[in-house]
mmCIF file of all heavy atoms, coordinates in Angstrom:
data_MODEL
# 
_entry.id   MODEL 
# 
loop_
_atom_site.group_PDB 
_atom_site.id 
_atom_site.type_symbol 
_atom_site.label_atom_id 
_atom_site.label_alt_id 
_atom_site.label_comp_id 
_atom_site.label_asym_id 
_atom_site.label_entity_id 
_atom_site.label_seq_id 
_atom_site.pdbx_PDB_ins_code 
_atom_site.Cartn_x 
_atom_site.Cartn_y 
_atom_site.Cartn_z 
_atom_site.occupancy 
_atom_site.B_iso_or_equiv 
_atom_site.pdbx_formal_charge 
_atom_site.auth_seq_id 
_atom_site.auth_comp_id 
_atom_site.auth_asym_id 
_atom_site.auth_atom_id 
_atom_site.pdbx_PDB_model_num 
ATOM 1   N N   . GLN A 1 1  ? -18.000 -28.203 -2.490 1.00 0.00 ? 1  GLN A N   1 
ATOM 2   C CA  . GLN A 1 1  ? -18.238 -26.875 -2.747 1.00 0.00 ? 1  GLN A CA  1 
ATOM 3   C C   . GLN A 1 1  ? -17.396 -25.935 -1.767 1.00 0.00 ? 1  GLN A C   1 
ATOM 4   O O   . GLN A 1 1  ? -16.811 -24.902 -2.234 1.00 0.00 ? 1  GLN A O   1 
ATOM 5   C CB  . GLN A 1 1  ? -19.745 -26.525 -2.482 1.00 0.00 ? 1  GLN A CB  1 
ATOM 6   C CG  . GLN A 1 1  ? -20.140 -25.020 -2.760 1.00 0.00 ? 1  GLN A CG  1 
ATOM 7   C CD  . GLN A 1 1  ? -19.843 -24.659 -4.171 1.00 0.00 ? 1  GLN A CD  1 
ATOM 8   O OE1 . GLN A 1 1  ? -20.131 -25.418 -5.041 1.00 0.00 ? 1  GLN A OE1 1 
ATOM 9   N NE2 . GLN A 1 1  ? -19.249 -23.510 -4.367 1.00 0.00 ? 1  GLN A NE2 1 
ATOM 10  N N   . MET A 1 2  ? -17.227 -26.337 -0.472 1.00 0.00 ? 2  MET A N   1 
ATOM 11  C CA  . MET A 1 2  ? -16.380 -25.561 0.354  1.00 0.00 ? 2  MET A CA  1 
ATOM 12  C C   . MET A 1 2  ? -14.930 -25.580 -0.124 1.00 0.00 ? 2  MET A C   1 
ATOM 13  O O   . MET A 1 2  ? -14.227 -24.553 0.008  1.00 0.00 ? 2  MET A O   1 
ATOM 14  C CB  . MET A 1 2  ? -16.489 -26.085 1.825  1.00 0.00 ? 2  MET A CB  1 
ATOM 15  C CG  . MET A 1 2  ? -17.844 -25.794 2.392  1.00 0.00 ? 2  MET A CG  1 
ATOM 16  S SD  . MET A 1 2  ? -17.828 -26.386 4.149  1.00 0.00 ? 2  MET A SD  1 
ATOM 17  C CE  . MET A 1 2  ? -19.380 -27.285 4.154  1.00 0.00 ? 2  MET A CE  1 
ATOM 18  N N   . ALA A 1 3  ? -14.422 -26.737 -0.602 1.00 0.00 ? 3  ALA A N   1 
ATOM 19  C CA  . ALA A 1 3  ? -13.149 -26.749 -1.095 1.00 0.00 ? 3  ALA A CA  1 
ATOM 20  C C   . ALA A 1 3  ? -12.951 -25.893 -2.308 1.00 0.00 ? 3  ALA A C   1 
ATOM 21  O O   . ALA A 1 3  ? -11.854 -25.215 -2.445 1.00 0.00 ? 3  ALA A O   1 
ATOM 22  C CB  . ALA A 1 3  ? -12.809 -28.290 -1.418 1.00 0.00 ? 3  ALA A CB  1 
ATOM 23  N N   . GLN A 1 4  ? -13.954 -25.771 -3.153 1.00 0.00 ? 4  GLN A N   1 
ATOM 24  C CA  . GLN A 1 4  ? -13.826 -24.902 -4.265 1.00 0.00 ? 4  GLN A CA  1 
ATOM 25  C C   . GLN A 1 4  ? -13.766 -23.456 -3.816 1.00 0.00 ? 4  GLN A C   1 
ATOM 26  O O   . GLN A 1 4  ? -13.067 -22.610 -4.296 1.00 0.00 ? 4  GLN A O   1 
ATOM 27  C CB  . GLN A 1 4  ? -15.011 -25.072 -5.164 1.00 0.00 ? 4  GLN A CB  1 
ATOM 28  C CG  . GLN A 1 4  ? -14.989 -26.357 -5.981 1.00 0.00 ? 4  GLN A CG  1 
ATOM 29  C CD  . GLN A 1 4  ? -16.160 -26.568 -6.906 1.00 0.00 ? 4  GLN A CD  1 
ATOM 30  O OE1 . GLN A 1 4  ? -17.119 -25.876 -6.886 1.00 0.00 ? 4  GLN A OE1 1 
ATOM 31  N NE2 . GLN A 1 4  ? -16.147 -27.714 -7.647 1.00 0.00 ? 4  GLN A NE2 1 
ATOM 32  N N   . ASN A 1 5  ? -14.578 -23.147 -2.758 1.00 0.00 ? 5  ASN A N   1 
ATOM 33  C CA  . ASN A 1 5  ? -14.540 -21.784 -2.144 1.00 0.00 ? 5  ASN A CA  1 
ATOM 34  C C   . ASN A 1 5  ? -13.185 -21.459 -1.653 1.00 0.00 ? 5  ASN A C   1 
ATOM 35  O O   . ASN A 1 5  ? -12.670 -20.368 -1.741 1.00 0.00 ? 5  ASN A O   1 
ATOM 36  C CB  . ASN A 1 5  ? -15.617 -21.655 -1.125 1.00 0.00 ? 5  ASN A CB  1 
ATOM 37  C CG  . ASN A 1 5  ? -16.927 -21.651 -1.607 1.00 0.00 ? 5  ASN A CG  1 
ATOM 38  O OD1 . ASN A 1 5  ? -17.230 -21.584 -2.762 1.00 0.00 ? 5  ASN A OD1 1 
ATOM 39  N ND2 . ASN A 1 5  ? -17.985 -21.908 -0.736 1.00 0.00 ? 5  ASN A ND2 1 
ATOM 40  N N   . VAL A 1 6  ? -12.601 -22.387 -0.916 1.00 0.00 ? 6  VAL A N   1 
ATOM 41  C CA  . VAL A 1 6  ? -11.280 -22.208 -0.403 1.00 0.00 ? 6  VAL A CA  1 
ATOM 42  C C   . VAL A 1 6  ? -10.228 -21.973 -1.522 1.00 0.00 ? 6  VAL A C   1 
ATOM 43  O O   . VAL A 1 6  ? -9.377  -21.082 -1.417 1.00 0.00 ? 6  VAL A O   1 
ATOM 44  C CB  . VAL A 1 6  ? -10.819 -23.435 0.514  1.00 0.00 ? 6  VAL A CB  1 
ATOM 45  C CG1 . VAL A 1 6  ? -9.326  -23.351 0.868  1.00 0.00 ? 6  VAL A CG1 1 
ATOM 46  C CG2 . VAL A 1 6  ? -11.644 -23.551 1.716  1.00 0.00 ? 6  VAL A CG2 1 
ATOM 47  N N   . ALA A 1 7  ? -10.316 -22.720 -2.578 1.00 0.00 ? 7  ALA A N   1 
ATOM 48  C CA  . ALA A 1 7  ? -9.416  -22.518 -3.672 1.00 0.00 ? 7  ALA A CA  1 
ATOM 49  C C   . ALA A 1 7  ? -9.552  -21.150 -4.224 1.00 0.00 ? 7  ALA A C   1 
ATOM 50  O O   . ALA A 1 7  ? -8.548  -20.437 -4.626 1.00 0.00 ? 7  ALA A O   1 
ATOM 51  C CB  . ALA A 1 7  ? -9.571  -23.554 -4.762 1.00 0.00 ? 7  ALA A CB  1 
ATOM 52  N N   . GLN A 1 8  ? -10.753 -20.684 -4.469 1.00 0.00 ? 8  GLN A N   1 
ATOM 53  C CA  . GLN A 1 8  ? -10.933 -19.345 -5.023 1.00 0.00 ? 8  GLN A CA  1 
ATOM 54  C C   . GLN A 1 8  ? -10.482 -18.302 -4.150 1.00 0.00 ? 8  GLN A C   1 
ATOM 55  O O   . GLN A 1 8  ? -9.889  -17.362 -4.691 1.00 0.00 ? 8  GLN A O   1 
ATOM 56  C CB  . GLN A 1 8  ? -12.491 -19.240 -5.331 1.00 0.00 ? 8  GLN A CB  1 
ATOM 57  C CG  . GLN A 1 8  ? -13.059 -20.076 -6.525 1.00 0.00 ? 8  GLN A CG  1 
ATOM 58  C CD  . GLN A 1 8  ? -14.588 -20.015 -6.585 1.00 0.00 ? 8  GLN A CD  1 
ATOM 59  O OE1 . GLN A 1 8  ? -15.217 -19.375 -5.680 1.00 0.00 ? 8  GLN A OE1 1 
ATOM 60  N NE2 . GLN A 1 8  ? -15.070 -20.441 -7.722 1.00 0.00 ? 8  GLN A NE2 1 
ATOM 61  N N   . VAL A 1 9  ? -10.722 -18.423 -2.902 1.00 0.00 ? 9  VAL A N   1 
ATOM 62  C CA  . VAL A 1 9  ? -10.321 -17.374 -1.996 1.00 0.00 ? 9  VAL A CA  1 
ATOM 63  C C   . VAL A 1 9  ? -8.796  -17.328 -1.861 1.00 0.00 ? 9  VAL A C   1 
ATOM 64  O O   . VAL A 1 9  ? -8.216  -16.259 -1.830 1.00 0.00 ? 9  VAL A O   1 
ATOM 65  C CB  . VAL A 1 9  ? -11.008 -17.528 -0.602 1.00 0.00 ? 9  VAL A CB  1 
ATOM 66  C CG1 . VAL A 1 9  ? -10.387 -16.647 0.413  1.00 0.00 ? 9  VAL A CG1 1 
ATOM 67  C CG2 . VAL A 1 9  ? -12.454 -17.323 -0.732 1.00 0.00 ? 9  VAL A CG2 1 
ATOM 68  N N   . ALA A 1 10 ? -8.178  -18.498 -1.873 1.00 0.00 ? 10 ALA A N   1 
ATOM 69  C CA  . ALA A 1 10 ? -6.729  -18.586 -1.738 1.00 0.00 ? 10 ALA A CA  1 
ATOM 70  C C   . ALA A 1 10 ? -6.050  -17.824 -2.887 1.00 0.00 ? 10 ALA A C   1 
ATOM 71  O O   . ALA A 1 10 ? -5.021  -17.187 -2.737 1.00 0.00 ? 10 ALA A O   1 
ATOM 72  C CB  . ALA A 1 10 ? -6.283  -20.073 -1.681 1.00 0.00 ? 10 ALA A CB  1 
ATOM 73  N N   . ASN A 1 11 ? -6.686  -17.911 -4.073 1.00 0.00 ? 11 ASN A N   1 
ATOM 74  C CA  . ASN A 1 11 ? -6.126  -17.276 -5.305 1.00 0.00 ? 11 ASN A CA  1 
ATOM 75  C C   . ASN A 1 11 ? -6.224  -15.705 -5.167 1.00 0.00 ? 11 ASN A C   1 
ATOM 76  O O   . ASN A 1 11 ? -5.442  -14.997 -5.622 1.00 0.00 ? 11 ASN A O   1 
ATOM 77  C CB  . ASN A 1 11 ? -6.715  -17.726 -6.525 1.00 0.00 ? 11 ASN A CB  1 
ATOM 78  C CG  . ASN A 1 11 ? -6.335  -19.223 -6.941 1.00 0.00 ? 11 ASN A CG  1 
ATOM 79  O OD1 . ASN A 1 11 ? -5.279  -19.660 -6.471 1.00 0.00 ? 11 ASN A OD1 1 
ATOM 80  N ND2 . ASN A 1 11 ? -7.248  -19.949 -7.523 1.00 0.00 ? 11 ASN A ND2 1 
ATOM 81  N N   . ALA A 1 12 ? -7.312  -15.311 -4.532 1.00 0.00 ? 12 ALA A N   1 
ATOM 82  C CA  . ALA A 1 12 ? -7.614  -13.908 -4.407 1.00 0.00 ? 12 ALA A CA  1 
ATOM 83  C C   . ALA A 1 12 ? -6.878  -13.146 -3.285 1.00 0.00 ? 12 ALA A C   1 
ATOM 84  O O   . ALA A 1 12 ? -6.696  -11.971 -3.274 1.00 0.00 ? 12 ALA A O   1 
ATOM 85  C CB  . ALA A 1 12 ? -9.118  -13.692 -4.309 1.00 0.00 ? 12 ALA A CB  1 
ATOM 86  N N   . VAL A 1 13 ? -6.548  -13.990 -2.214 1.00 0.00 ? 13 VAL A N   1 
ATOM 87  C CA  . VAL A 1 13 ? -6.003  -13.356 -0.969 1.00 0.00 ? 13 VAL A CA  1 
ATOM 88  C C   . VAL A 1 13 ? -4.629  -12.685 -1.214 1.00 0.00 ? 13 VAL A C   1 
ATOM 89  O O   . VAL A 1 13 ? -4.198  -11.796 -0.490 1.00 0.00 ? 13 VAL A O   1 
ATOM 90  C CB  . VAL A 1 13 ? -5.968  -14.351 0.159  1.00 0.00 ? 13 VAL A CB  1 
ATOM 91  C CG1 . VAL A 1 13 ? -5.220  -13.796 1.368  1.00 0.00 ? 13 VAL A CG1 1 
ATOM 92  C CG2 . VAL A 1 13 ? -7.337  -14.748 0.594  1.00 0.00 ? 13 VAL A CG2 1 
ATOM 93  N N   . ALA A 1 14 ? -3.946  -13.146 -2.268 1.00 0.00 ? 14 ALA A N   1 
ATOM 94  C CA  . ALA A 1 14 ? -2.592  -12.587 -2.533 1.00 0.00 ? 14 ALA A CA  1 
ATOM 95  C C   . ALA A 1 14 ? -2.708  -11.053 -2.774 1.00 0.00 ? 14 ALA A C   1 
ATOM 96  O O   . ALA A 1 14 ? -1.705  -10.451 -2.456 1.00 0.00 ? 14 ALA A O   1 
ATOM 97  C CB  . ALA A 1 14 ? -2.029  -13.241 -3.823 1.00 0.00 ? 14 ALA A CB  1 
ATOM 98  N N   . ASP A 1 15 ? -3.686  -10.549 -3.272 1.00 0.00 ? 15 ASP A N   1 
ATOM 99  C CA  . ASP A 1 15 ? -3.824  -9.111  -3.488 1.00 0.00 ? 15 ASP A CA  1 
ATOM 100 C C   . ASP A 1 15 ? -4.275  -8.437  -2.173 1.00 0.00 ? 15 ASP A C   1 
ATOM 101 O O   . ASP A 1 15 ? -5.258  -8.822  -1.569 1.00 0.00 ? 15 ASP A O   1 
ATOM 102 C CB  . ASP A 1 15 ? -4.785  -8.675  -4.605 1.00 0.00 ? 15 ASP A CB  1 
ATOM 103 C CG  . ASP A 1 15 ? -4.386  -9.214  -5.981 1.00 0.00 ? 15 ASP A CG  1 
ATOM 104 O OD1 . ASP A 1 15 ? -3.081  -9.259  -6.110 1.00 0.00 ? 15 ASP A OD1 1 
ATOM 105 O OD2 . ASP A 1 15 ? -5.167  -9.519  -6.780 1.00 0.00 ? 15 ASP A OD2 1 
ATOM 106 N N   . PRO A 1 16 ? -3.672  -7.378  -1.715 1.00 0.00 ? 16 PRO A N   1 
ATOM 107 C CA  . PRO A 1 16 ? -4.060  -6.666  -0.486 1.00 0.00 ? 16 PRO A CA  1 
ATOM 108 C C   . PRO A 1 16 ? -5.472  -6.201  -0.528 1.00 0.00 ? 16 PRO A C   1 
ATOM 109 O O   . PRO A 1 16 ? -6.128  -6.105  0.562  1.00 0.00 ? 16 PRO A O   1 
ATOM 110 C CB  . PRO A 1 16 ? -3.063  -5.467  -0.415 1.00 0.00 ? 16 PRO A CB  1 
ATOM 111 C CG  . PRO A 1 16 ? -1.962  -5.781  -1.292 1.00 0.00 ? 16 PRO A CG  1 
ATOM 112 C CD  . PRO A 1 16 ? -2.475  -6.766  -2.373 1.00 0.00 ? 16 PRO A CD  1 
ATOM 113 N N   . GLU A 1 17 ? -5.954  -5.888  -1.662 1.00 0.00 ? 17 GLU A N   1 
ATOM 114 C CA  . GLU A 1 17 ? -7.416  -5.337  -1.717 1.00 0.00 ? 17 GLU A CA  1 
ATOM 115 C C   . GLU A 1 17 ? -8.404  -6.371  -1.403 1.00 0.00 ? 17 GLU A C   1 
ATOM 116 O O   . GLU A 1 17 ? -9.609  -6.141  -1.178 1.00 0.00 ? 17 GLU A O   1 
ATOM 117 C CB  . GLU A 1 17 ? -7.707  -4.701  -3.101 1.00 0.00 ? 17 GLU A CB  1 
ATOM 118 C CG  . GLU A 1 17 ? -7.514  -5.690  -4.286 1.00 0.00 ? 17 GLU A CG  1 
ATOM 119 C CD  . GLU A 1 17 ? -7.701  -5.017  -5.625 1.00 0.00 ? 17 GLU A CD  1 
ATOM 120 O OE1 . GLU A 1 17 ? -7.131  -3.860  -5.766 1.00 0.00 ? 17 GLU A OE1 1 
ATOM 121 O OE2 . GLU A 1 17 ? -8.338  -5.633  -6.479 1.00 0.00 ? 17 GLU A OE2 1 
ATOM 122 N N   . PHE A 1 18 ? -8.018  -7.652  -1.405 1.00 0.00 ? 18 PHE A N   1 
ATOM 123 C CA  . PHE A 1 18 ? -8.886  -8.788  -1.121 1.00 0.00 ? 18 PHE A CA  1 
ATOM 124 C C   . PHE A 1 18 ? -8.699  -9.348  0.302  1.00 0.00 ? 18 PHE A C   1 
ATOM 125 O O   . PHE A 1 18 ? -9.007  -10.476 0.530  1.00 0.00 ? 18 PHE A O   1 
ATOM 126 C CB  . PHE A 1 18 ? -8.683  -9.918  -2.130 1.00 0.00 ? 18 PHE A CB  1 
ATOM 127 C CG  . PHE A 1 18 ? -9.136  -9.518  -3.466 1.00 0.00 ? 18 PHE A CG  1 
ATOM 128 C CD1 . PHE A 1 18 ? -8.196  -9.397  -4.565 1.00 0.00 ? 18 PHE A CD1 1 
ATOM 129 C CD2 . PHE A 1 18 ? -10.371 -9.164  -3.812 1.00 0.00 ? 18 PHE A CD2 1 
ATOM 130 C CE1 . PHE A 1 18 ? -8.551  -8.977  -5.857 1.00 0.00 ? 18 PHE A CE1 1 
ATOM 131 C CE2 . PHE A 1 18 ? -10.839 -8.802  -5.147 1.00 0.00 ? 18 PHE A CE2 1 
ATOM 132 C CZ  . PHE A 1 18 ? -9.890  -8.704  -6.099 1.00 0.00 ? 18 PHE A CZ  1 
ATOM 133 N N   . GLN A 1 19 ? -8.285  -8.545  1.285  1.00 0.00 ? 19 GLN A N   1 
ATOM 134 C CA  . GLN A 1 19 ? -8.008  -9.039  2.568  1.00 0.00 ? 19 GLN A CA  1 
ATOM 135 C C   . GLN A 1 19 ? -9.302  -9.537  3.244  1.00 0.00 ? 19 GLN A C   1 
ATOM 136 O O   . GLN A 1 19 ? -9.277  -10.372 4.074  1.00 0.00 ? 19 GLN A O   1 
ATOM 137 C CB  . GLN A 1 19 ? -7.355  -7.978  3.472  1.00 0.00 ? 19 GLN A CB  1 
ATOM 138 C CG  . GLN A 1 19 ? -5.942  -7.606  3.008  1.00 0.00 ? 19 GLN A CG  1 
ATOM 139 C CD  . GLN A 1 19 ? -4.977  -8.868  3.149  1.00 0.00 ? 19 GLN A CD  1 
ATOM 140 O OE1 . GLN A 1 19 ? -5.169  -9.520  4.144  1.00 0.00 ? 19 GLN A OE1 1 
ATOM 141 N NE2 . GLN A 1 19 ? -4.140  -9.049  2.235  1.00 0.00 ? 19 GLN A NE2 1 
ATOM 142 N N   . GLN A 1 20 ? -10.415 -8.986  2.868  1.00 0.00 ? 20 GLN A N   1 
ATOM 143 C CA  . GLN A 1 20 ? -11.731 -9.406  3.406  1.00 0.00 ? 20 GLN A CA  1 
ATOM 144 C C   . GLN A 1 20 ? -11.996 -10.880 2.973  1.00 0.00 ? 20 GLN A C   1 
ATOM 145 O O   . GLN A 1 20 ? -12.628 -11.604 3.778  1.00 0.00 ? 20 GLN A O   1 
ATOM 146 C CB  . GLN A 1 20 ? -12.839 -8.480  2.913  1.00 0.00 ? 20 GLN A CB  1 
ATOM 147 C CG  . GLN A 1 20 ? -14.225 -8.925  3.515  1.00 0.00 ? 20 GLN A CG  1 
ATOM 148 C CD  . GLN A 1 20 ? -15.318 -8.049  2.990  1.00 0.00 ? 20 GLN A CD  1 
ATOM 149 O OE1 . GLN A 1 20 ? -15.105 -7.155  2.211  1.00 0.00 ? 20 GLN A OE1 1 
ATOM 150 N NE2 . GLN A 1 20 ? -16.522 -8.375  3.402  1.00 0.00 ? 20 GLN A NE2 1 
ATOM 151 N N   . ALA A 1 21 ? -11.395 -11.279 1.920  1.00 0.00 ? 21 ALA A N   1 
ATOM 152 C CA  . ALA A 1 21 ? -11.602 -12.696 1.494  1.00 0.00 ? 21 ALA A CA  1 
ATOM 153 C C   . ALA A 1 21 ? -10.953 -13.598 2.420  1.00 0.00 ? 21 ALA A C   1 
ATOM 154 O O   . ALA A 1 21 ? -11.337 -14.809 2.549  1.00 0.00 ? 21 ALA A O   1 
ATOM 155 C CB  . ALA A 1 21 ? -11.044 -12.885 0.102  1.00 0.00 ? 21 ALA A CB  1 
ATOM 156 N N   . ALA A 1 22 ? -9.972  -13.219 3.241  1.00 0.00 ? 22 ALA A N   1 
ATOM 157 C CA  . ALA A 1 22 ? -9.384  -14.074 4.231  1.00 0.00 ? 22 ALA A CA  1 
ATOM 158 C C   . ALA A 1 22 ? -10.404 -14.541 5.223  1.00 0.00 ? 22 ALA A C   1 
ATOM 159 O O   . ALA A 1 22 ? -10.353 -15.726 5.689  1.00 0.00 ? 22 ALA A O   1 
ATOM 160 C CB  . ALA A 1 22 ? -8.194  -13.404 4.926  1.00 0.00 ? 22 ALA A CB  1 
ATOM 161 N N   . GLY A 1 23 ? -11.382 -13.738 5.580  1.00 0.00 ? 23 GLY A N   1 
ATOM 162 C CA  . GLY A 1 23 ? -12.479 -14.160 6.479  1.00 0.00 ? 23 GLY A CA  1 
ATOM 163 C C   . GLY A 1 23 ? -13.284 -15.252 5.825  1.00 0.00 ? 23 GLY A C   1 
ATOM 164 O O   . GLY A 1 23 ? -13.755 -16.197 6.566  1.00 0.00 ? 23 GLY A O   1 
ATOM 165 N N   . ASP A 1 24 ? -13.503 -15.176 4.443  1.00 0.00 ? 24 ASP A N   1 
ATOM 166 C CA  . ASP A 1 24 ? -14.246 -16.213 3.792  1.00 0.00 ? 24 ASP A CA  1 
ATOM 167 C C   . ASP A 1 24 ? -13.601 -17.567 3.844  1.00 0.00 ? 24 ASP A C   1 
ATOM 168 O O   . ASP A 1 24 ? -14.179 -18.603 3.994  1.00 0.00 ? 24 ASP A O   1 
ATOM 169 C CB  . ASP A 1 24 ? -14.551 -15.771 2.360  1.00 0.00 ? 24 ASP A CB  1 
ATOM 170 C CG  . ASP A 1 24 ? -15.431 -14.565 2.259  1.00 0.00 ? 24 ASP A CG  1 
ATOM 171 O OD1 . ASP A 1 24 ? -16.232 -14.299 3.245  1.00 0.00 ? 24 ASP A OD1 1 
ATOM 172 O OD2 . ASP A 1 24 ? -15.357 -13.883 1.216  1.00 0.00 ? 24 ASP A OD2 1 
# 
């Protein structure tokens, strides 16, 4: 589950508006 979370966040971090996702 954590690996899936990492994959989802990695896809979203590319956009500057999702910088908070880097913490996740």
